N, C-alpha and C. Protein backbone atom coordinates (compact mmCIF):
# COMPACT_ATOMS: atom_id res chain seq x y z
N MET A 1 -126.52 197.10 154.38
CA MET A 1 -125.28 196.56 155.15
C MET A 1 -123.85 196.89 154.78
N LYS A 2 -123.83 196.61 153.39
CA LYS A 2 -122.79 196.78 152.54
C LYS A 2 -122.42 197.87 152.45
N ILE A 3 -123.33 198.80 152.25
CA ILE A 3 -122.86 200.51 151.89
C ILE A 3 -122.62 201.14 153.20
N PHE A 4 -123.17 200.28 153.79
CA PHE A 4 -122.69 200.79 155.20
C PHE A 4 -121.61 200.59 155.84
N ILE A 5 -120.53 200.12 155.52
CA ILE A 5 -119.62 199.24 155.75
C ILE A 5 -118.78 199.73 154.77
N GLN A 6 -118.93 200.20 153.12
CA GLN A 6 -118.01 200.73 152.62
C GLN A 6 -118.16 202.01 152.84
N SER A 7 -119.04 202.79 153.54
CA SER A 7 -118.74 204.69 153.92
C SER A 7 -118.39 204.53 155.25
N ARG A 8 -118.15 203.42 156.02
CA ARG A 8 -117.44 204.15 157.11
C ARG A 8 -115.88 203.58 156.85
N ASN A 9 -115.33 202.63 156.02
CA ASN A 9 -114.24 202.79 155.81
C ASN A 9 -113.60 204.12 154.60
N LEU A 10 -114.72 204.46 153.51
CA LEU A 10 -113.92 205.47 153.41
C LEU A 10 -113.76 207.19 154.20
N ILE A 11 -114.76 206.61 154.98
CA ILE A 11 -114.43 208.11 156.27
C ILE A 11 -112.97 207.92 157.28
N LEU A 12 -113.02 206.71 157.80
CA LEU A 12 -111.87 206.11 157.89
C LEU A 12 -110.77 206.16 157.65
N ALA A 13 -110.58 206.27 156.42
CA ALA A 13 -109.73 206.49 155.84
C ALA A 13 -109.28 207.92 155.55
N THR A 14 -110.06 208.20 155.02
CA THR A 14 -110.03 209.51 154.79
C THR A 14 -109.79 210.81 156.41
N THR A 15 -110.13 210.05 157.96
CA THR A 15 -109.76 210.12 159.04
C THR A 15 -108.09 210.05 158.56
N ILE A 16 -107.78 208.83 158.76
CA ILE A 16 -106.63 208.58 158.36
C ILE A 16 -104.86 209.76 157.53
N PHE A 17 -106.24 210.23 156.58
CA PHE A 17 -105.21 210.98 155.80
C PHE A 17 -105.08 212.06 155.81
N LEU A 18 -106.14 212.84 156.58
CA LEU A 18 -106.43 213.94 157.87
C LEU A 18 -105.52 213.67 159.19
N VAL A 19 -104.83 213.15 159.66
CA VAL A 19 -104.46 212.99 160.68
C VAL A 19 -103.18 212.88 160.53
N PHE A 20 -102.55 211.71 159.57
CA PHE A 20 -100.99 211.72 159.62
C PHE A 20 -100.39 212.18 158.06
N ILE A 21 -101.09 212.38 156.83
CA ILE A 21 -100.32 213.05 155.81
C ILE A 21 -100.57 214.65 155.60
N ALA A 22 -101.84 215.03 156.28
CA ALA A 22 -101.92 216.43 155.73
C ALA A 22 -101.34 217.72 156.51
N PRO A 23 -100.62 217.00 157.99
CA PRO A 23 -99.44 217.90 158.97
C PRO A 23 -98.26 217.80 157.99
N ILE A 24 -98.04 216.25 157.15
CA ILE A 24 -96.19 216.31 156.34
C ILE A 24 -96.52 217.53 155.28
N LYS A 25 -97.62 217.70 154.98
CA LYS A 25 -98.13 218.38 153.80
C LYS A 25 -97.66 220.06 153.47
N SER A 26 -98.31 220.34 155.58
CA SER A 26 -98.10 221.15 155.89
C SER A 26 -97.08 222.44 156.52
N GLN A 27 -96.14 221.65 156.39
CA GLN A 27 -94.81 221.76 156.84
C GLN A 27 -93.88 221.65 155.86
N ASP A 28 -94.26 221.53 154.42
CA ASP A 28 -93.22 221.52 153.53
C ASP A 28 -93.24 222.70 152.53
N ARG A 29 -94.57 223.94 152.31
CA ARG A 29 -94.77 224.28 151.46
C ARG A 29 -93.89 225.24 151.27
N PRO A 30 -93.66 226.04 150.09
CA PRO A 30 -92.97 226.74 149.87
C PRO A 30 -92.42 227.92 150.87
N GLU A 31 -93.44 228.46 151.70
CA GLU A 31 -93.52 229.93 152.57
C GLU A 31 -92.92 229.39 153.60
N ASP A 32 -92.83 227.89 154.19
CA ASP A 32 -91.58 227.27 155.32
C ASP A 32 -90.67 227.08 154.74
N PHE A 33 -90.27 226.93 153.60
CA PHE A 33 -88.94 226.92 153.39
C PHE A 33 -88.40 227.94 153.01
N LEU A 34 -89.48 229.49 152.95
CA LEU A 34 -88.66 231.08 152.75
C LEU A 34 -88.85 231.14 153.82
N ALA A 35 -89.51 231.11 154.86
CA ALA A 35 -89.85 231.98 155.81
C ALA A 35 -88.48 231.18 157.13
N ALA A 36 -87.85 230.27 157.10
CA ALA A 36 -86.98 229.45 157.31
C ALA A 36 -85.63 230.07 156.69
N HIS A 37 -85.76 229.77 156.10
CA HIS A 37 -84.32 230.37 155.58
C HIS A 37 -84.28 231.79 155.26
N ASN A 38 -85.09 232.92 155.24
CA ASN A 38 -85.22 234.09 155.72
C ASN A 38 -84.56 234.83 157.03
N GLU A 39 -85.18 233.84 158.06
CA GLU A 39 -84.98 234.06 159.51
C GLU A 39 -83.66 234.11 159.86
N ALA A 40 -83.07 232.93 159.18
CA ALA A 40 -81.08 233.08 158.98
C ALA A 40 -80.98 234.10 158.70
N ARG A 41 -81.33 234.01 157.42
CA ARG A 41 -80.67 235.23 156.17
C ARG A 41 -80.52 236.86 158.01
N ALA A 42 -81.92 236.73 157.62
CA ALA A 42 -81.42 238.81 158.40
C ALA A 42 -81.10 238.16 159.54
N ALA A 43 -80.83 237.39 160.65
CA ALA A 43 -79.54 237.24 161.52
C ALA A 43 -78.40 237.77 161.14
N VAL A 44 -78.24 237.68 160.42
CA VAL A 44 -76.65 238.25 159.86
C VAL A 44 -76.73 239.23 158.84
N GLY A 45 -77.70 239.44 158.73
CA GLY A 45 -77.72 241.42 158.03
C GLY A 45 -78.45 240.83 156.42
N VAL A 46 -78.51 239.58 156.13
CA VAL A 46 -78.31 239.58 154.97
C VAL A 46 -79.85 239.35 153.73
N GLY A 47 -79.83 239.48 152.93
CA GLY A 47 -81.43 240.00 152.25
C GLY A 47 -82.25 238.73 151.90
N PRO A 48 -83.41 238.90 152.00
CA PRO A 48 -83.80 237.91 151.67
C PRO A 48 -84.11 236.77 150.52
N LEU A 49 -84.61 235.49 150.32
CA LEU A 49 -84.27 235.41 149.71
C LEU A 49 -86.10 234.84 149.17
N THR A 50 -86.33 234.51 147.82
CA THR A 50 -87.51 235.01 147.31
C THR A 50 -87.73 233.10 146.08
N TRP A 51 -89.12 232.39 146.39
CA TRP A 51 -89.02 230.84 145.91
C TRP A 51 -89.19 231.50 144.00
N ASP A 52 -88.53 230.33 143.23
CA ASP A 52 -88.22 230.34 142.43
C ASP A 52 -89.11 229.27 141.44
N VAL A 53 -89.89 229.28 140.81
CA VAL A 53 -90.25 228.22 140.53
C VAL A 53 -89.37 227.23 139.77
N ARG A 54 -88.46 227.56 139.30
CA ARG A 54 -87.82 226.59 137.92
C ARG A 54 -86.69 225.60 139.06
N VAL A 55 -86.31 226.92 140.01
CA VAL A 55 -85.11 226.20 140.88
C VAL A 55 -86.06 225.15 141.71
N ALA A 56 -87.66 225.41 141.63
CA ALA A 56 -87.76 224.61 143.06
C ALA A 56 -88.29 223.43 141.91
N LEU A 57 -88.24 223.23 140.48
CA LEU A 57 -88.49 222.59 139.79
C LEU A 57 -87.00 221.26 139.52
N TYR A 58 -86.27 221.83 139.53
CA TYR A 58 -84.46 221.76 139.51
C TYR A 58 -84.81 220.43 140.86
N ALA A 59 -85.15 221.36 141.74
CA ALA A 59 -84.77 220.24 143.13
C ALA A 59 -85.87 219.39 142.48
N THR A 60 -86.88 219.23 142.48
CA THR A 60 -88.20 218.13 142.12
C THR A 60 -87.44 217.21 141.57
N THR A 61 -86.80 217.68 140.37
CA THR A 61 -86.54 216.56 139.12
C THR A 61 -85.64 216.26 139.67
N TYR A 62 -84.66 217.13 140.74
CA TYR A 62 -83.37 216.04 140.91
C TYR A 62 -83.73 214.65 142.15
N ALA A 63 -84.42 215.68 142.82
CA ALA A 63 -85.16 214.52 144.06
C ALA A 63 -85.84 213.21 143.41
N ASN A 64 -86.36 213.05 142.84
CA ASN A 64 -87.25 212.35 141.96
C ASN A 64 -86.22 211.42 141.72
N GLN A 65 -85.01 211.98 140.75
CA GLN A 65 -84.19 210.68 140.32
C GLN A 65 -83.29 210.29 140.94
N ARG A 66 -83.12 210.79 142.27
CA ARG A 66 -83.19 209.98 143.75
C ARG A 66 -83.63 208.47 144.33
N ARG A 67 -84.87 209.33 144.29
CA ARG A 67 -85.69 207.98 144.63
C ARG A 67 -85.38 206.06 144.73
N GLY A 68 -84.98 206.29 143.03
CA GLY A 68 -84.46 204.76 144.02
C GLY A 68 -83.21 204.54 144.43
N ASP A 69 -82.54 205.21 144.92
CA ASP A 69 -81.48 204.68 145.81
C ASP A 69 -81.56 205.96 147.16
N CYS A 70 -82.29 207.09 146.95
CA CYS A 70 -82.26 207.71 148.02
C CYS A 70 -80.96 208.40 148.74
N ALA A 71 -80.21 208.37 147.63
CA ALA A 71 -78.42 208.58 148.32
C ALA A 71 -78.27 210.14 147.94
N LEU A 72 -77.92 210.80 149.57
CA LEU A 72 -77.25 212.36 149.66
C LEU A 72 -76.35 212.49 149.16
N LYS A 73 -76.66 213.06 147.80
CA LYS A 73 -75.52 213.16 147.07
C LYS A 73 -76.15 214.09 146.09
N ASN A 74 -75.52 215.47 146.14
CA ASN A 74 -75.35 216.68 145.05
C ASN A 74 -75.40 216.42 143.81
N SER A 75 -76.19 217.30 142.91
CA SER A 75 -76.94 217.08 142.01
C SER A 75 -74.94 216.96 141.37
N GLU A 76 -75.01 216.66 139.65
CA GLU A 76 -73.80 217.10 139.00
C GLU A 76 -73.72 217.16 137.78
N GLY A 77 -73.21 217.92 136.97
CA GLY A 77 -73.53 218.12 135.37
C GLY A 77 -72.99 217.21 134.61
N PRO A 78 -73.05 217.10 133.38
CA PRO A 78 -72.79 215.72 132.68
C PRO A 78 -71.08 215.32 132.31
N ASN A 79 -70.48 216.27 132.78
CA ASN A 79 -69.20 215.10 133.67
C ASN A 79 -68.57 215.20 134.58
N GLY A 80 -69.19 215.36 135.36
CA GLY A 80 -69.07 214.82 137.31
C GLY A 80 -69.27 216.44 137.57
N GLU A 81 -69.00 216.96 137.53
CA GLU A 81 -68.48 218.64 137.73
C GLU A 81 -69.79 219.07 138.20
N PRO A 82 -69.44 219.96 139.33
CA PRO A 82 -71.44 220.53 140.07
C PRO A 82 -72.16 221.00 139.37
N GLY A 83 -73.51 220.65 139.62
CA GLY A 83 -74.15 221.19 138.96
C GLY A 83 -74.73 222.66 139.65
N PRO A 84 -75.64 223.51 138.51
CA PRO A 84 -75.82 224.45 138.09
C PRO A 84 -75.83 225.22 139.29
N TYR A 85 -76.27 224.39 140.65
CA TYR A 85 -77.16 225.63 141.55
C TYR A 85 -76.38 224.91 143.00
N GLY A 86 -76.83 225.70 143.83
CA GLY A 86 -76.02 224.90 145.25
C GLY A 86 -77.42 224.89 145.89
N GLU A 87 -76.55 224.07 146.49
CA GLU A 87 -77.31 222.51 146.81
C GLU A 87 -77.60 222.48 148.64
N ASN A 88 -78.40 222.20 149.43
CA ASN A 88 -77.99 221.89 150.78
C ASN A 88 -79.22 220.56 150.80
N LEU A 89 -78.86 219.46 151.26
CA LEU A 89 -79.87 217.84 151.15
C LEU A 89 -79.41 217.45 152.77
N ALA A 90 -81.30 217.30 153.00
CA ALA A 90 -81.02 216.46 154.81
C ALA A 90 -82.31 215.43 154.90
N TRP A 91 -81.33 214.32 156.08
CA TRP A 91 -82.63 213.12 155.45
C TRP A 91 -83.20 213.18 157.51
N ASN A 92 -84.02 212.43 157.32
CA ASN A 92 -84.07 212.41 159.25
C ASN A 92 -85.06 210.97 159.18
N SER A 93 -84.82 209.71 160.05
CA SER A 93 -85.41 208.68 160.12
C SER A 93 -86.95 208.82 160.63
N ALA A 94 -86.95 210.01 161.20
CA ALA A 94 -88.71 210.12 161.39
C ALA A 94 -89.25 210.80 160.80
N SER A 95 -89.02 212.78 161.71
CA SER A 95 -90.07 213.39 160.25
C SER A 95 -89.35 214.63 160.83
N MET A 96 -89.23 215.52 159.19
CA MET A 96 -88.64 216.61 159.00
C MET A 96 -89.49 217.60 158.82
N SER A 97 -89.63 218.83 159.00
CA SER A 97 -90.39 219.81 158.64
C SER A 97 -89.27 220.56 157.90
N ALA A 98 -90.10 221.45 157.01
CA ALA A 98 -88.83 222.26 156.00
C ALA A 98 -88.38 223.53 157.21
N ALA A 99 -88.76 223.84 158.70
CA ALA A 99 -87.71 224.25 158.79
C ALA A 99 -87.14 223.67 159.72
N GLU A 100 -87.41 222.38 160.02
CA GLU A 100 -86.14 221.55 161.27
C GLU A 100 -85.06 221.48 160.50
N ALA A 101 -85.56 220.91 158.75
CA ALA A 101 -84.10 220.88 157.77
C ALA A 101 -83.22 221.98 157.82
N VAL A 102 -84.36 223.58 157.80
CA VAL A 102 -83.12 224.58 157.36
C VAL A 102 -82.13 224.77 158.74
N GLU A 103 -83.40 224.18 159.77
CA GLU A 103 -82.78 224.58 160.70
C GLU A 103 -81.25 224.11 161.73
N ALA A 104 -81.26 222.21 161.13
CA ALA A 104 -79.54 221.64 161.03
C ALA A 104 -79.37 222.39 160.26
N TRP A 105 -79.70 223.02 159.09
CA TRP A 105 -78.35 223.54 158.48
C TRP A 105 -77.68 224.71 159.04
N VAL A 106 -78.26 225.52 159.39
CA VAL A 106 -78.06 226.64 160.92
C VAL A 106 -77.04 226.35 161.14
N ASN A 107 -77.73 225.63 162.33
CA ASN A 107 -76.50 224.69 163.61
C ASN A 107 -75.27 224.54 162.94
N GLN A 108 -74.57 225.10 161.76
CA GLN A 108 -73.42 224.86 161.54
C GLN A 108 -72.82 225.88 161.91
N LYS A 109 -73.46 226.49 161.94
CA LYS A 109 -73.65 228.68 161.81
C LYS A 109 -71.64 227.95 162.52
N SER A 110 -71.46 227.15 164.47
CA SER A 110 -70.64 227.67 165.20
C SER A 110 -69.09 226.78 163.81
N ASP A 111 -69.51 226.06 163.53
CA ASP A 111 -68.04 225.78 162.50
C ASP A 111 -67.86 226.53 161.60
N TYR A 112 -68.01 228.01 161.14
CA TYR A 112 -67.83 229.14 160.39
C TYR A 112 -67.48 230.18 160.82
N ASP A 113 -66.05 230.22 160.59
CA ASP A 113 -65.38 231.66 160.68
C ASP A 113 -65.39 233.07 159.75
N TYR A 114 -66.39 233.73 160.17
CA TYR A 114 -66.39 235.14 159.61
C TYR A 114 -65.12 235.80 159.10
N ASN A 115 -64.26 235.66 160.00
CA ASN A 115 -63.16 236.35 159.68
C ASN A 115 -62.65 236.05 158.06
N SER A 116 -61.72 234.28 157.80
CA SER A 116 -61.75 233.58 157.28
C SER A 116 -62.67 233.14 155.98
N ASN A 117 -63.81 233.13 156.10
CA ASN A 117 -64.71 232.69 155.09
C ASN A 117 -64.46 231.47 154.96
N THR A 118 -64.76 230.59 156.26
CA THR A 118 -63.90 229.13 156.35
C THR A 118 -64.71 228.61 156.88
N CYS A 119 -64.69 227.17 157.03
CA CYS A 119 -65.28 226.67 158.35
C CYS A 119 -64.12 226.08 159.15
N ALA A 120 -64.38 226.36 160.60
CA ALA A 120 -63.17 226.71 161.73
C ALA A 120 -62.85 225.60 161.80
N ASP A 121 -62.90 224.13 161.17
CA ASP A 121 -62.57 223.31 161.40
C ASP A 121 -62.31 222.29 160.02
N PRO A 122 -61.05 222.23 159.27
CA PRO A 122 -61.62 221.58 157.92
C PRO A 122 -61.91 219.99 158.16
N LEU A 123 -62.38 219.69 158.67
CA LEU A 123 -63.25 218.13 159.48
C LEU A 123 -64.48 218.51 158.96
N THR A 124 -65.08 219.85 160.26
CA THR A 124 -65.90 219.78 160.32
C THR A 124 -67.08 220.43 158.86
N LYS A 125 -68.13 220.13 158.66
CA LYS A 125 -69.02 221.19 157.45
C LYS A 125 -70.06 222.00 157.91
N CYS A 126 -69.33 223.57 157.61
CA CYS A 126 -70.27 224.20 157.97
C CYS A 126 -70.75 224.96 156.51
N LEU A 127 -70.75 224.19 155.42
CA LEU A 127 -70.79 224.49 154.09
C LEU A 127 -72.30 224.55 153.65
N SER A 128 -73.79 224.11 154.29
CA SER A 128 -74.68 223.79 154.16
C SER A 128 -74.70 225.56 154.85
N TYR A 129 -74.19 225.88 155.58
CA TYR A 129 -75.10 226.68 156.65
C TYR A 129 -74.43 227.88 155.67
N THR A 130 -73.39 228.30 155.40
CA THR A 130 -73.35 229.07 154.38
C THR A 130 -73.88 228.76 152.70
N GLN A 131 -73.90 227.88 152.10
CA GLN A 131 -75.55 227.68 151.41
C GLN A 131 -76.92 228.96 151.94
N VAL A 132 -76.90 228.49 153.15
CA VAL A 132 -78.32 229.05 153.91
C VAL A 132 -78.34 230.49 153.39
N VAL A 133 -77.04 231.25 154.09
CA VAL A 133 -76.87 232.76 154.38
C VAL A 133 -76.12 233.42 153.47
N TRP A 134 -75.49 233.22 152.31
CA TRP A 134 -75.19 233.44 151.36
C TRP A 134 -75.53 234.77 150.65
N ARG A 135 -74.69 236.14 150.80
CA ARG A 135 -75.49 237.33 150.51
C ARG A 135 -75.21 237.07 148.62
N ASN A 136 -75.20 236.61 148.12
CA ASN A 136 -75.09 236.32 146.19
C ASN A 136 -76.46 235.59 145.95
N SER A 137 -77.00 234.96 146.64
CA SER A 137 -77.81 233.70 146.51
C SER A 137 -79.35 234.45 146.44
N VAL A 138 -80.16 234.38 145.74
CA VAL A 138 -81.32 235.09 145.27
C VAL A 138 -82.75 234.56 145.79
N LYS A 139 -82.22 233.18 145.22
CA LYS A 139 -83.78 232.30 144.79
C LYS A 139 -83.71 231.21 145.56
N LEU A 140 -84.51 230.42 145.60
CA LEU A 140 -84.83 228.57 146.69
C LEU A 140 -86.06 228.28 146.35
N GLY A 141 -85.46 226.70 146.20
CA GLY A 141 -86.94 225.90 145.52
C GLY A 141 -86.41 224.53 146.56
N CYS A 142 -87.14 223.94 146.80
CA CYS A 142 -87.27 222.98 147.71
C CYS A 142 -88.26 222.03 147.80
N MET A 143 -87.66 220.42 147.74
CA MET A 143 -88.06 219.37 147.40
C MET A 143 -88.75 218.27 148.45
N LEU A 144 -89.17 218.26 149.70
CA LEU A 144 -89.29 217.71 150.88
C LEU A 144 -89.92 215.99 150.19
N PHE A 145 -90.00 214.69 150.47
CA PHE A 145 -90.21 213.59 150.44
C PHE A 145 -90.12 213.02 151.12
N ILE A 146 -90.91 211.42 150.75
CA ILE A 146 -90.60 210.29 152.15
C ILE A 146 -90.52 209.37 151.13
N TYR A 147 -89.05 208.76 151.03
CA TYR A 147 -88.77 207.83 150.75
C TYR A 147 -89.07 206.32 152.11
N LYS A 148 -88.70 205.20 151.21
CA LYS A 148 -89.05 203.85 152.56
C LYS A 148 -88.37 202.90 151.61
N LEU A 149 -86.78 202.15 152.21
CA LEU A 149 -86.09 201.25 151.82
C LEU A 149 -86.51 200.03 152.41
N ILE A 150 -87.41 198.83 151.97
CA ILE A 150 -88.26 198.15 152.43
C ILE A 150 -87.21 197.31 152.72
N MET A 151 -85.68 197.05 151.82
CA MET A 151 -84.42 195.76 151.84
C MET A 151 -83.56 196.16 153.22
N ILE A 152 -83.59 197.34 153.02
CA ILE A 152 -82.45 197.55 153.82
C ILE A 152 -83.07 198.43 155.86
N GLY A 153 -84.48 198.47 155.98
CA GLY A 153 -85.91 199.18 156.51
C GLY A 153 -85.30 200.65 156.96
N LEU A 154 -85.00 200.76 156.35
CA LEU A 154 -84.91 202.78 155.82
C LEU A 154 -86.01 203.14 155.29
N PHE A 155 -86.25 204.27 156.30
CA PHE A 155 -87.15 204.91 155.82
C PHE A 155 -87.15 206.91 156.25
N GLY A 156 -88.12 207.72 155.85
CA GLY A 156 -87.90 208.54 156.32
C GLY A 156 -87.92 209.87 155.47
N PRO A 157 -88.63 211.09 155.49
CA PRO A 157 -88.25 212.20 154.44
C PRO A 157 -86.61 212.92 154.64
N VAL A 158 -86.83 212.98 153.41
CA VAL A 158 -85.38 213.49 152.64
C VAL A 158 -85.92 215.23 152.18
N VAL A 159 -84.91 216.04 152.31
CA VAL A 159 -85.14 217.66 151.76
C VAL A 159 -84.29 217.54 150.53
N PHE A 160 -84.29 218.47 149.79
CA PHE A 160 -83.65 218.80 148.63
C PHE A 160 -83.62 220.43 148.55
N CYS A 161 -82.96 220.65 148.80
CA CYS A 161 -83.04 222.58 148.71
C CYS A 161 -82.22 223.22 147.50
N THR A 162 -82.86 223.77 146.87
CA THR A 162 -81.30 224.55 145.50
C THR A 162 -81.80 225.47 145.76
N ILE A 163 -80.84 226.01 145.57
CA ILE A 163 -79.91 228.10 145.59
C ILE A 163 -79.62 228.12 144.27
N PHE A 164 -80.20 229.38 143.88
CA PHE A 164 -79.88 230.45 142.61
C PHE A 164 -78.86 231.39 143.22
N MET A 165 -77.76 231.37 143.02
CA MET A 165 -76.90 232.65 143.01
C MET A 165 -76.51 233.56 141.67
N ARG A 166 -76.80 234.55 142.47
CA ARG A 166 -76.73 235.52 141.04
C ARG A 166 -74.82 236.01 141.07
N VAL A 167 -74.17 236.09 139.72
CA VAL A 167 -72.98 235.75 139.68
C VAL A 167 -72.79 237.29 139.28
N PHE A 168 -71.60 237.72 139.40
CA PHE A 168 -71.64 238.95 138.80
C PHE A 168 -70.02 239.10 138.04
N LEU A 169 -70.11 238.81 136.93
CA LEU A 169 -68.88 239.08 136.01
C LEU A 169 -68.45 240.37 135.86
């Protein structure tokens, strides 16, 4: 009888994992992030990004540093200057896939003025959109993790996407 109960509990735990955890993981694969970014880039005639393990490691390392406070804050260099990569950050209180995070950034397109290469209204933010479609961007690495701040009742997925831009000197 005891073995039956343990087996039943194991089957139940496995089922819960497959139903609730596996779908989260299946929506944050590198190819999911790449497909969403490259679809937006193709729509404006910009070449595709490629996945880069080093850039993804940077995103993962930085995301892990933010686990303590879950602040949506771009990385910085040692003296407070901007970090070495372009970054987009996203948070949602429910669920969020790679495609949904990129869609949120691409939705800023309406705030972008192509003629002046600026955000149409200085108070609006379109910089995440420009990170997605910037012509000189060539490599991508992202990290999606679920966090929970029990003290204040916040929880949800956070996405950190890091974009490497080639620089012409």
